[in-house]
Amino acid sequence: MGKVYRKQQIEGVTVPAVIHNRQYFWLNMAVYEDGTISCWEKTDLCDVMRQLERGWLTPIIPDGESLSVHGLCTLEIISASWNFDKESYRRFIEDTVRSINPEMANIYETTQREKDKWKKYHVGFSAYPTPFKLSGNFGYETSDGKQMNIFLRQNGEIMLTSVSVFADGTFSVDGLDGEEYITLEKIRELFNEDVLCVKPCDNETVSFGALGKARCKTIYDVLKDEKIKEIENELLRIQNKPDAFETARQAYINYLIYPSEQNKEKLRSAYEAVPEHQRMYLGDMDTRDRDYIRILYTNDKREV
């Protein structure tokens, strides 16, 4: 018998969640119609309570602890009012599945055989979510997107939410009043009006959606202009156009081959076009962007 496989598109929604892996991390957690949950690990509805009991998945951040929000900021929780305990949060996730799959049909449950198989081959699954929008006027055609964290300030409240970018050049901001899809120009306008922002004010109460609210202090945040650069860059990337990373890496290679002052200035321009909080990703986990910094801002010679 020959080996075969198939792929299937399973839709879902995102819900607010927190991962506790030595510190606390914000997560727009994907909950799919088959009961699969993406909490940095592929988990099913039958196993979600175990993730809550072991503290990996949590609906609560203790006062005084910090919360890391990827690509945006780190917040200290001063005082909070959370809406769930472990059991009520489990029910919330189950109710979320039921809202998109009322019959609770075809609910997925990972077997021990599957767990043993992927453990043997050192394979892990995250069930990472892909935002999408319907495209075209006929049929059920979808267009994939990319999602990023952002703060939304409206109606006298600031909320931690997400912005998604799509290949057709449109954007959606989860929770934004008005149009479902907006332009890049509108995104820039919302930043200028402080409707979209990268951090709350100190001691401001932040809404974490269904999880609850907390008064927070910002420990670290990215710059607004750098966040806008990230959003603009993600649009180029999802449209398969040369983005800031590709341009900087090519300028780096060109300089190494032809180390002239002219190429050094091209490298500088390309490097500084990469959002500051993402420059570490220009290299691998060990080198990061250290060689770019060496070339551009020091007199150190490269070790060969």
C-alpha atoms as a PDB file:
ATOM      1  CA  MET A   1       0.000   0.000   0.000  1.00  0.00           C
ATOM      2  CA  GLY A   2       1.346   3.441  -0.934  1.00  0.00           C
ATOM      3  CA  LYS A   3       1.528   6.268   1.596  1.00  0.00           C
ATOM      4  CA  VAL A   4      -0.804   9.225   1.029  1.00  0.00           C
ATOM      5  CA  TYR A   5      -2.123  12.217   2.985  1.00  0.00           C
ATOM      6  CA  ARG A   6      -4.678  15.007   2.621  1.00  0.00           C
ATOM      7  CA  LYS A   7      -5.021  18.542   3.898  1.00  0.00           C
ATOM      8  CA  GLN A   8      -8.231  20.022   5.264  1.00  0.00           C
ATOM      9  CA  GLN A   9      -9.082  23.614   6.120  1.00  0.00           C
ATOM     10  CA  ILE A  10     -10.565  23.849   9.608  1.00  0.00           C
ATOM     11  CA  GLU A  11     -11.992  27.233  10.572  1.00  0.00           C
ATOM     12  CA  GLY A  12     -12.184  28.771  14.014  1.00  0.00           C
ATOM     13  CA  VAL A  13     -11.996  31.964  16.034  1.00  0.00           C
ATOM     14  CA  THR A  14      -9.494  33.538  18.408  1.00  0.00           C
ATOM     15  CA  VAL A  15     -10.100  34.107  22.108  1.00  0.00           C
ATOM     16  CA  PRO A  16      -7.923  35.915  24.679  1.00  0.00           C
ATOM     17  CA  ALA A  17      -5.551  33.671  26.603  1.00  0.00           C
ATOM     18  CA  VAL A  18      -2.310  33.731  28.583  1.00  0.00           C
ATOM     19  CA  ILE A  19       0.568  31.255  28.435  1.00  0.00           C
ATOM     20  CA  HIS A  20       2.684  30.805  31.571  1.00  0.00           C
ATOM     21  CA  ASN A  21       6.129  29.599  30.540  1.00  0.00           C
ATOM     22  CA  ARG A  22       8.288  30.953  33.390  1.00  0.00           C
ATOM     23  CA  GLN A  23       6.711  34.333  32.636  1.00  0.00           C
ATOM     24  CA  TYR A  24       3.327  35.341  31.251  1.00  0.00           C
ATOM     25  CA  PHE A  25       2.708  35.771  27.509  1.00  0.00           C
ATOM     26  CA  TRP A  26      -0.374  37.199  25.811  1.00  0.00           C
ATOM     27  CA  LEU A  27      -1.973  34.934  23.216  1.00  0.00           C
ATOM     28  CA  ASN A  28      -4.768  35.359  20.699  1.00  0.00           C
ATOM     29  CA  MET A  29      -5.609  31.684  21.087  1.00  0.00           C
ATOM     30  CA  ALA A  30      -7.125  29.851  18.151  1.00  0.00           C
ATOM     31  CA  VAL A  31     -10.138  27.676  18.933  1.00  0.00           C
ATOM     32  CA  TYR A  32     -11.248  25.579  15.959  1.00  0.00           C
ATOM     33  CA  GLU A  33     -14.630  24.081  15.099  1.00  0.00           C
ATOM     34  CA  ASP A  34     -13.290  20.539  15.602  1.00  0.00           C
ATOM     35  CA  GLY A  35     -12.302  21.326  19.200  1.00  0.00           C
ATOM     36  CA  THR A  36      -8.599  21.762  18.494  1.00  0.00           C
ATOM     37  CA  ILE A  37      -6.947  24.550  20.493  1.00  0.00           C
ATOM     38  CA  SER A  38      -3.631  26.281  19.744  1.00  0.00           C
ATOM     39  CA  CYS A  39      -1.965  27.209  23.049  1.00  0.00           C
ATOM     40  CA  TRP A  40       1.629  27.121  21.716  1.00  0.00           C
ATOM     41  CA  GLU A  41       0.906  23.403  21.551  1.00  0.00           C
ATOM     42  CA  LYS A  42      -1.780  21.576  19.612  1.00  0.00           C
ATOM     43  CA  THR A  43      -4.358  20.673  22.264  1.00  0.00           C
ATOM     44  CA  ASP A  44      -7.821  19.201  21.954  1.00  0.00           C
ATOM     45  CA  LEU A  45     -10.959  19.999  23.912  1.00  0.00           C
ATOM     46  CA  CYS A  46     -10.595  16.855  26.001  1.00  0.00           C
ATOM     47  CA  ASP A  47      -7.093  17.869  27.106  1.00  0.00           C
ATOM     48  CA  VAL A  48      -7.537  21.583  27.753  1.00  0.00           C
ATOM     49  CA  MET A  49      -8.229  21.081  31.471  1.00  0.00           C
ATOM     50  CA  ARG A  50      -4.853  19.379  31.850  1.00  0.00           C
ATOM     51  CA  GLN A  51      -3.189  22.449  30.307  1.00  0.00           C
ATOM     52  CA  LEU A  52      -5.038  24.630  32.820  1.00  0.00           C
ATOM     53  CA  GLU A  53      -4.219  22.396  35.783  1.00  0.00           C
ATOM     54  CA  ARG A  54      -0.503  22.352  34.999  1.00  0.00           C
ATOM     55  CA  GLY A  55      -0.543  26.152  34.660  1.00  0.00           C
ATOM     56  CA  TRP A  56       0.646  26.288  31.059  1.00  0.00           C
ATOM     57  CA  LEU A  57      -2.641  27.899  30.006  1.00  0.00           C
ATOM     58  CA  THR A  58      -4.157  30.386  32.430  1.00  0.00           C
ATOM     59  CA  PRO A  59      -6.957  32.995  32.514  1.00  0.00           C
ATOM     60  CA  ILE A  60      -5.331  34.871  35.424  1.00  0.00           C
ATOM     61  CA  ILE A  61      -2.152  36.918  35.903  1.00  0.00           C
ATOM     62  CA  PRO A  62      -1.290  37.630  39.548  1.00  0.00           C
ATOM     63  CA  ASP A  63      -0.808  41.245  40.594  1.00  0.00           C
ATOM     64  CA  GLY A  64       2.828  42.308  40.388  1.00  0.00           C
ATOM     65  CA  GLU A  65       3.657  39.916  37.543  1.00  0.00           C
ATOM     66  CA  SER A  66       4.600  41.056  34.043  1.00  0.00           C
ATOM     67  CA  LEU A  67       2.843  40.217  30.789  1.00  0.00           C
ATOM     68  CA  SER A  68       4.797  40.068  27.530  1.00  0.00           C
ATOM     69  CA  VAL A  69       2.827  41.128  24.441  1.00  0.00           C
ATOM     70  CA  HIS A  70       4.772  40.018  21.366  1.00  0.00           C
ATOM     71  CA  GLY A  71       5.882  42.814  19.062  1.00  0.00           C
ATOM     72  CA  LEU A  72       4.353  45.481  21.268  1.00  0.00           C
ATOM     73  CA  CYS A  73       5.210  45.842  24.956  1.00  0.00           C
ATOM     74  CA  THR A  74       5.697  44.324  28.393  1.00  0.00           C
ATOM     75  CA  LEU A  75       3.179  45.305  31.049  1.00  0.00           C
ATOM     76  CA  GLU A  76       3.264  45.047  34.826  1.00  0.00           C
ATOM     77  CA  ILE A  77      -0.108  44.049  36.263  1.00  0.00           C
ATOM     78  CA  ILE A  78      -0.774  46.422  39.169  1.00  0.00           C
ATOM     79  CA  SER A  79      -4.286  45.300  40.083  1.00  0.00           C
ATOM     80  CA  ALA A  80      -6.702  43.185  38.098  1.00  0.00           C
ATOM     81  CA  SER A  81     -10.243  41.872  37.960  1.00  0.00           C
ATOM     82  CA  TRP A  82     -10.320  38.543  36.118  1.00  0.00           C
ATOM     83  CA  ASN A  83     -13.521  36.883  34.956  1.00  0.00           C
ATOM     84  CA  PHE A  84     -12.613  33.195  35.038  1.00  0.00           C
ATOM     85  CA  ASP A  85     -11.196  30.442  37.163  1.00  0.00           C
ATOM     86  CA  LYS A  86      -9.884  27.253  35.558  1.00  0.00           C
ATOM     87  CA  GLU A  87     -13.237  25.479  35.321  1.00  0.00           C
ATOM     88  CA  SER A  88     -15.219  28.474  34.059  1.00  0.00           C
ATOM     89  CA  TYR A  89     -12.496  29.192  31.470  1.00  0.00           C
ATOM     90  CA  ARG A  90     -12.667  25.569  30.284  1.00  0.00           C
ATOM     91  CA  ARG A  91     -16.429  25.995  29.873  1.00  0.00           C
ATOM     92  CA  PHE A  92     -15.830  29.279  28.019  1.00  0.00           C
ATOM     93  CA  ILE A  93     -13.594  27.466  25.520  1.00  0.00           C
ATOM     94  CA  GLU A  94     -16.131  24.653  25.146  1.00  0.00           C
ATOM     95  CA  ASP A  95     -18.921  27.205  24.599  1.00  0.00           C
ATOM     96  CA  THR A  96     -16.740  28.901  21.970  1.00  0.00           C
ATOM     97  CA  VAL A  97     -16.449  25.606  20.084  1.00  0.00           C
ATOM     98  CA  ARG A  98     -20.216  25.104  20.380  1.00  0.00           C
ATOM     99  CA  SER A  99     -20.869  28.614  19.003  1.00  0.00           C
ATOM    100  CA  ILE A 100     -19.122  27.715  15.742  1.00  0.00           C
ATOM    101  CA  ASN A 101     -20.086  24.027  15.746  1.00  0.00           C
ATOM    102  CA  PRO A 102     -23.576  23.867  17.322  1.00  0.00           C
ATOM    103  CA  GLU A 103     -23.906  20.121  16.711  1.00  0.00           C
ATOM    104  CA  MET A 104     -20.486  19.491  18.315  1.00  0.00           C
ATOM    105  CA  ALA A 105     -19.900  17.153  15.383  1.00  0.00           C
ATOM    106  CA  ASN A 106     -16.534  15.674  14.361  1.00  0.00           C
ATOM    107  CA  ILE A 107     -14.801  16.797  17.562  1.00  0.00           C
ATOM    108  CA  TYR A 108     -11.143  15.821  17.385  1.00  0.00           C
ATOM    109  CA  GLU A 109      -9.481  13.829  20.144  1.00  0.00           C
ATOM    110  CA  THR A 110      -5.787  12.995  19.966  1.00  0.00           C
ATOM    111  CA  THR A 111      -5.154   9.294  20.492  1.00  0.00           C
ATOM    112  CA  GLN A 112      -2.243   7.879  22.457  1.00  0.00           C
ATOM    113  CA  ARG A 113      -1.035   6.278  19.230  1.00  0.00           C
ATOM    114  CA  GLU A 114      -0.736   9.727  17.621  1.00  0.00           C
ATOM    115  CA  LYS A 115       1.039  11.142  20.650  1.00  0.00           C
ATOM    116  CA  ASP A 116       3.507   8.238  20.649  1.00  0.00           C
ATOM    117  CA  LYS A 117       4.113   8.555  16.904  1.00  0.00           C
ATOM    118  CA  TRP A 118       4.981  12.261  16.945  1.00  0.00           C
ATOM    119  CA  LYS A 119       7.020  11.896  20.132  1.00  0.00           C
ATOM    120  CA  LYS A 120       9.069   9.177  18.438  1.00  0.00           C
ATOM    121  CA  TYR A 121       9.862  11.474  15.501  1.00  0.00           C
ATOM    122  CA  HIS A 122      10.336  14.595  17.669  1.00  0.00           C
ATOM    123  CA  VAL A 123       7.517  16.412  15.870  1.00  0.00           C
ATOM    124  CA  GLY A 124       5.418  19.088  17.545  1.00  0.00           C
ATOM    125  CA  PHE A 125       2.328  20.879  16.290  1.00  0.00           C
ATOM    126  CA  SER A 126       1.106  24.315  17.318  1.00  0.00           C
ATOM    127  CA  ALA A 127      -2.066  24.589  15.162  1.00  0.00           C
ATOM    128  CA  TYR A 128      -0.987  28.223  14.615  1.00  0.00           C
ATOM    129  CA  PRO A 129      -3.912  30.321  13.341  1.00  0.00           C
ATOM    130  CA  THR A 130      -4.044  31.922   9.917  1.00  0.00           C
ATOM    131  CA  PRO A 131      -6.404  34.932   9.668  1.00  0.00           C
ATOM    132  CA  PHE A 132      -8.466  34.988   6.489  1.00  0.00           C
ATOM    133  CA  LYS A 133     -11.138  36.920   4.658  1.00  0.00           C
ATOM    134  CA  LEU A 134     -13.529  35.830   1.934  1.00  0.00           C
ATOM    135  CA  SER A 135     -12.403  36.968  -1.504  1.00  0.00           C
ATOM    136  CA  GLY A 136     -14.217  37.006  -4.823  1.00  0.00           C
ATOM    137  CA  ASN A 137     -17.913  37.162  -5.609  1.00  0.00           C
ATOM    138  CA  PHE A 138     -18.460  33.490  -6.376  1.00  0.00           C
ATOM    139  CA  GLY A 139     -17.676  30.381  -4.381  1.00  0.00           C
ATOM    140  CA  TYR A 140     -15.990  30.152  -1.009  1.00  0.00           C
ATOM    141  CA  GLU A 141     -12.568  31.547  -1.821  1.00  0.00           C
ATOM    142  CA  THR A 142     -10.393  32.767   1.034  1.00  0.00           C
ATOM    143  CA  SER A 143      -7.437  35.129   1.264  1.00  0.00           C
ATOM    144  CA  ASP A 144      -4.871  34.522   4.010  1.00  0.00           C
ATOM    145  CA  GLY A 145      -3.627  37.282   6.285  1.00  0.00           C
ATOM    146  CA  LYS A 146      -1.096  38.024   9.005  1.00  0.00           C
ATOM    147  CA  GLN A 147      -2.070  39.105  12.517  1.00  0.00           C
ATOM    148  CA  MET A 148      -0.222  41.467  14.905  1.00  0.00           C
ATOM    149  CA  ASN A 149      -0.944  42.716  18.426  1.00  0.00           C
ATOM    150  CA  ILE A 150      -2.099  46.303  18.936  1.00  0.00           C
ATOM    151  CA  PHE A 151      -3.958  48.488  21.435  1.00  0.00           C
ATOM    152  CA  LEU A 152      -7.282  50.015  20.410  1.00  0.00           C
ATOM    153  CA  ARG A 153      -8.569  53.111  22.198  1.00  0.00           C
ATOM    154  CA  GLN A 154     -12.240  53.980  21.633  1.00  0.00           C
ATOM    155  CA  ASN A 155     -15.413  54.714  23.587  1.00  0.00           C
ATOM    156  CA  GLY A 156     -13.332  55.771  26.599  1.00  0.00           C
ATOM    157  CA  GLU A 157     -11.610  52.382  26.917  1.00  0.00           C
ATOM    158  CA  ILE A 158      -8.291  50.903  25.822  1.00  0.00           C
ATOM    159  CA  MET A 159      -8.286  47.269  24.746  1.00  0.00           C
ATOM    160  CA  LEU A 160      -5.523  44.851  23.769  1.00  0.00           C
ATOM    161  CA  THR A 161      -6.529  43.447  20.399  1.00  0.00           C
ATOM    162  CA  SER A 162      -5.082  42.603  16.982  1.00  0.00           C
ATOM    163  CA  VAL A 163      -4.719  44.033  13.483  1.00  0.00           C
ATOM    164  CA  SER A 164      -4.696  41.740  10.438  1.00  0.00           C
ATOM    165  CA  VAL A 165      -3.242  42.547   7.021  1.00  0.00           C
ATOM    166  CA  PHE A 166      -4.327  40.889   3.775  1.00  0.00           C
ATOM    167  CA  ALA A 167      -2.715  40.539   0.371  1.00  0.00           C
ATOM    168  CA  ASP A 168      -5.302  42.786  -1.295  1.00  0.00           C
ATOM    169  CA  GLY A 169      -3.964  45.702   0.762  1.00  0.00           C
ATOM    170  CA  THR A 170      -6.812  45.815   3.266  1.00  0.00           C
ATOM    171  CA  PHE A 171      -6.637  45.605   7.051  1.00  0.00           C
ATOM    172  CA  SER A 172      -9.009  44.647   9.842  1.00  0.00           C
ATOM    173  CA  VAL A 173      -8.784  45.691  13.491  1.00  0.00           C
ATOM    174  CA  ASP A 174     -10.621  43.371  15.858  1.00  0.00           C
ATOM    175  CA  GLY A 175     -13.157  45.435  17.810  1.00  0.00           C
ATOM    176  CA  LEU A 176     -12.921  48.615  15.715  1.00  0.00           C
ATOM    177  CA  ASP A 177     -16.250  50.380  15.199  1.00  0.00           C
ATOM    178  CA  GLY A 178     -17.241  51.070  11.614  1.00  0.00           C
ATOM    179  CA  GLU A 179     -15.978  49.432   8.446  1.00  0.00           C
ATOM    180  CA  GLU A 180     -14.859  45.793   8.578  1.00  0.00           C
ATOM    181  CA  TYR A 181     -11.875  46.384   6.260  1.00  0.00           C
ATOM    182  CA  ILE A 182      -9.784  49.540   6.019  1.00  0.00           C
ATOM    183  CA  THR A 183      -6.781  50.827   4.056  1.00  0.00           C
ATOM    184  CA  LEU A 184      -3.161  51.383   5.055  1.00  0.00           C
ATOM    185  CA  GLU A 185      -3.839  55.122   4.928  1.00  0.00           C
ATOM    186  CA  LYS A 186      -6.632  54.632   7.477  1.00  0.00           C
ATOM    187  CA  ILE A 187      -4.277  52.605   9.694  1.00  0.00           C
ATOM    188  CA  ARG A 188      -1.787  55.502   9.679  1.00  0.00           C
ATOM    189  CA  GLU A 189      -4.611  57.946  10.427  1.00  0.00           C
ATOM    190  CA  LEU A 190      -5.772  55.862  13.413  1.00  0.00           C
ATOM    191  CA  PHE A 191      -2.225  55.873  14.804  1.00  0.00           C
ATOM    192  CA  ASN A 192      -2.010  59.648  14.387  1.00  0.00           C
ATOM    193  CA  GLU A 193      -5.316  60.021  16.249  1.00  0.00           C
ATOM    194  CA  ASP A 194      -4.088  57.660  19.018  1.00  0.00           C
ATOM    195  CA  VAL A 195      -6.991  55.287  18.316  1.00  0.00           C
ATOM    196  CA  LEU A 196      -4.342  52.671  17.602  1.00  0.00           C
ATOM    197  CA  CYS A 197      -1.372  52.739  19.957  1.00  0.00           C
ATOM    198  CA  VAL A 198       1.524  50.633  21.231  1.00  0.00           C
ATOM    199  CA  LYS A 199       0.967  50.978  24.981  1.00  0.00           C
ATOM    200  CA  PRO A 200      -1.488  52.211  27.595  1.00  0.00           C
ATOM    201  CA  CYS A 201      -0.780  55.197  29.807  1.00  0.00           C
ATOM    202  CA  ASP A 202       0.717  54.323  33.188  1.00  0.00           C
ATOM    203  CA  ASN A 203      -1.924  53.192  35.679  1.00  0.00           C
ATOM    204  CA  GLU A 204      -4.502  53.039  32.898  1.00  0.00           C
ATOM    205  CA  THR A 205      -6.994  50.184  33.060  1.00  0.00           C
ATOM    206  CA  VAL A 206      -6.661  47.860  30.062  1.00  0.00           C
ATOM    207  CA  SER A 207      -9.392  45.557  28.791  1.00  0.00           C
ATOM    208  CA  PHE A 208      -8.165  42.065  27.949  1.00  0.00           C
ATOM    209  CA  GLY A 209     -11.429  41.126  26.299  1.00  0.00           C
ATOM    210  CA  ALA A 210     -13.326  38.244  27.874  1.00  0.00           C
ATOM    211  CA  LEU A 211     -10.510  37.615  30.387  1.00  0.00           C
ATOM    212  CA  GLY A 212     -11.124  40.817  32.344  1.00  0.00           C
ATOM    213  CA  LYS A 213      -9.431  44.135  33.060  1.00  0.00           C
ATOM    214  CA  ALA A 214      -6.240  45.233  34.797  1.00  0.00           C
ATOM    215  CA  ARG A 215      -4.545  48.449  35.796  1.00  0.00           C
ATOM    216  CA  CYS A 216      -1.124  48.330  34.160  1.00  0.00           C
ATOM    217  CA  LYS A 217       2.292  49.949  34.047  1.00  0.00           C
ATOM    218  CA  THR A 218       4.409  49.758  30.887  1.00  0.00           C
ATOM    219  CA  ILE A 219       7.862  48.268  31.433  1.00  0.00           C
ATOM    220  CA  TYR A 220       8.925  48.154  27.775  1.00  0.00           C
ATOM    221  CA  ASP A 221       7.304  49.178  24.505  1.00  0.00           C
ATOM    222  CA  VAL A 222       8.165  49.532  20.836  1.00  0.00           C
ATOM    223  CA  LEU A 223       8.101  52.959  19.210  1.00  0.00           C
ATOM    224  CA  LYS A 224       4.931  53.943  17.369  1.00  0.00           C
ATOM    225  CA  ASP A 225       6.769  54.723  14.126  1.00  0.00           C
ATOM    226  CA  GLU A 226       8.545  51.355  14.284  1.00  0.00           C
ATOM    227  CA  LYS A 227       5.226  49.557  14.735  1.00  0.00           C
ATOM    228  CA  ILE A 228       3.844  51.317  11.683  1.00  0.00           C
ATOM    229  CA  LYS A 229       6.956  50.216   9.758  1.00  0.00           C
ATOM    230  CA  GLU A 230       6.273  46.638  10.877  1.00  0.00           C
ATOM    231  CA  ILE A 231       2.687  46.802   9.622  1.00  0.00           C
ATOM    232  CA  GLU A 232       3.802  48.295   6.283  1.00  0.00           C
ATOM    233  CA  ASN A 233       6.472  45.607   5.975  1.00  0.00           C
ATOM    234  CA  GLU A 234       4.017  42.791   6.669  1.00  0.00           C
ATOM    235  CA  LEU A 235       1.884  44.073   3.798  1.00  0.00           C
ATOM    236  CA  LEU A 236       4.874  43.799   1.441  1.00  0.00           C
ATOM    237  CA  ARG A 237       5.678  40.330   2.763  1.00  0.00           C
ATOM    238  CA  ILE A 238       2.162  38.952   2.367  1.00  0.00           C
ATOM    239  CA  GLN A 239       2.031  40.384  -1.175  1.00  0.00           C
ATOM    240  CA  ASN A 240       5.282  38.505  -1.939  1.00  0.00           C
ATOM    241  CA  LYS A 241       7.099  41.764  -2.636  1.00  0.00           C
ATOM    242  CA  PRO A 242      10.684  42.497  -1.484  1.00  0.00           C
ATOM    243  CA  ASP A 243      10.406  43.509   2.152  1.00  0.00           C
ATOM    244  CA  ALA A 244      12.783  45.284   4.539  1.00  0.00           C
ATOM    245  CA  PHE A 245      14.343  42.013   5.759  1.00  0.00           C
ATOM    246  CA  GLU A 246      15.081  40.763   2.268  1.00  0.00           C
ATOM    247  CA  THR A 247      16.524  44.140   1.245  1.00  0.00           C
ATOM    248  CA  ALA A 248      18.744  44.366   4.359  1.00  0.00           C
ATOM    249  CA  ARG A 249      20.060  40.810   4.006  1.00  0.00           C
ATOM    250  CA  GLN A 250      20.910  41.390   0.353  1.00  0.00           C
ATOM    251  CA  ALA A 251      22.661  44.681   1.206  1.00  0.00           C
ATOM    252  CA  TYR A 252      24.620  42.827   3.913  1.00  0.00           C
ATOM    253  CA  ILE A 253      25.805  40.183   1.414  1.00  0.00           C
ATOM    254  CA  ASN A 254      26.710  42.861  -1.120  1.00  0.00           C
ATOM    255  CA  TYR A 255      28.802  44.692   1.461  1.00  0.00           C
ATOM    256  CA  LEU A 256      30.649  41.525   2.499  1.00  0.00           C
ATOM    257  CA  ILE A 257      31.531  40.851  -1.149  1.00  0.00           C
ATOM    258  CA  TYR A 258      32.264  44.474  -2.057  1.00  0.00           C
ATOM    259  CA  PRO A 259      33.058  46.372   1.212  1.00  0.00           C
ATOM    260  CA  SER A 260      32.939  49.917  -0.142  1.00  0.00           C
ATOM    261  CA  GLU A 261      31.697  53.057   1.611  1.00  0.00           C
ATOM    262  CA  GLN A 262      28.888  53.283  -0.908  1.00  0.00           C
ATOM    263  CA  ASN A 263      27.688  49.760  -0.108  1.00  0.00           C
ATOM    264  CA  LYS A 264      28.075  50.457   3.600  1.00  0.00           C
ATOM    265  CA  GLU A 265      25.684  53.395   3.326  1.00  0.00           C
ATOM    266  CA  LYS A 266      23.237  51.249   1.345  1.00  0.00           C
ATOM    267  CA  LEU A 267      23.459  48.665   4.119  1.00  0.00           C
ATOM    268  CA  ARG A 268      22.860  51.351   6.755  1.00  0.00           C
ATOM    269  CA  SER A 269      19.751  52.592   4.964  1.00  0.00           C
ATOM    270  CA  ALA A 270      18.424  49.058   4.506  1.00  0.00           C
ATOM    271  CA  TYR A 271      19.170  48.058   8.118  1.00  0.00           C
ATOM    272  CA  GLU A 272      17.458  51.109   9.584  1.00  0.00           C
ATOM    273  CA  ALA A 273      14.398  50.453   7.402  1.00  0.00           C
ATOM    274  CA  VAL A 274      13.831  47.222   9.359  1.00  0.00           C
ATOM    275  CA  PRO A 275      11.596  47.869  12.393  1.00  0.00           C
ATOM    276  CA  GLU A 276      13.915  48.350  15.371  1.00  0.00           C
ATOM    277  CA  HIS A 277      12.255  45.662  17.506  1.00  0.00           C
ATOM    278  CA  GLN A 278      12.618  43.116  14.680  1.00  0.00           C
ATOM    279  CA  ARG A 279      16.257  43.701  13.671  1.00  0.00           C
ATOM    280  CA  MET A 280      17.388  40.809  15.873  1.00  0.00           C
ATOM    281  CA  TYR A 281      15.706  38.478  13.364  1.00  0.00           C
ATOM    282  CA  LEU A 282      18.112  39.450  10.570  1.00  0.00           C
ATOM    283  CA  GLY A 283      20.469  36.709  11.747  1.00  0.00           C
ATOM    284  CA  ASP A 284      19.950  33.390  13.478  1.00  0.00           C
ATOM    285  CA  MET A 285      19.205  32.882  17.180  1.00  0.00           C
ATOM    286  CA  ASP A 286      22.916  33.130  18.044  1.00  0.00           C
ATOM    287  CA  THR A 287      24.147  35.929  15.773  1.00  0.00           C
ATOM    288  CA  ARG A 288      20.987  38.083  15.627  1.00  0.00           C
ATOM    289  CA  ASP A 289      21.968  41.455  14.077  1.00  0.00           C
ATOM    290  CA  ARG A 290      25.357  41.764  15.771  1.00  0.00           C
ATOM    291  CA  ASP A 291      27.365  41.756  12.551  1.00  0.00           C
ATOM    292  CA  TYR A 292      25.204  44.515  11.082  1.00  0.00           C
ATOM    293  CA  ILE A 293      25.906  46.592  14.202  1.00  0.00           C
ATOM    294  CA  ARG A 294      29.627  45.798  13.999  1.00  0.00           C
ATOM    295  CA  ILE A 295      29.851  46.985  10.401  1.00  0.00           C
ATOM    296  CA  LEU A 296      27.734  50.101  10.765  1.00  0.00           C
ATOM    297  CA  TYR A 297      28.462  51.421  14.236  1.00  0.00           C
ATOM    298  CA  THR A 298      31.900  50.132  15.313  1.00  0.00           C
ATOM    299  CA  ASN A 299      35.442  49.899  13.994  1.00  0.00           C
ATOM    300  CA  ASP A 300      35.761  46.224  14.871  1.00  0.00           C
ATOM    301  CA  LYS A 301      37.095  43.864  12.228  1.00  0.00           C
ATOM    302  CA  ARG A 302      35.188  40.721  11.348  1.00  0.00           C
ATOM    303  CA  GLU A 303      36.610  37.476  12.733  1.00  0.00           C
ATOM    304  CA  VAL A 304      36.955  34.797  10.075  1.00  0.00           C
END
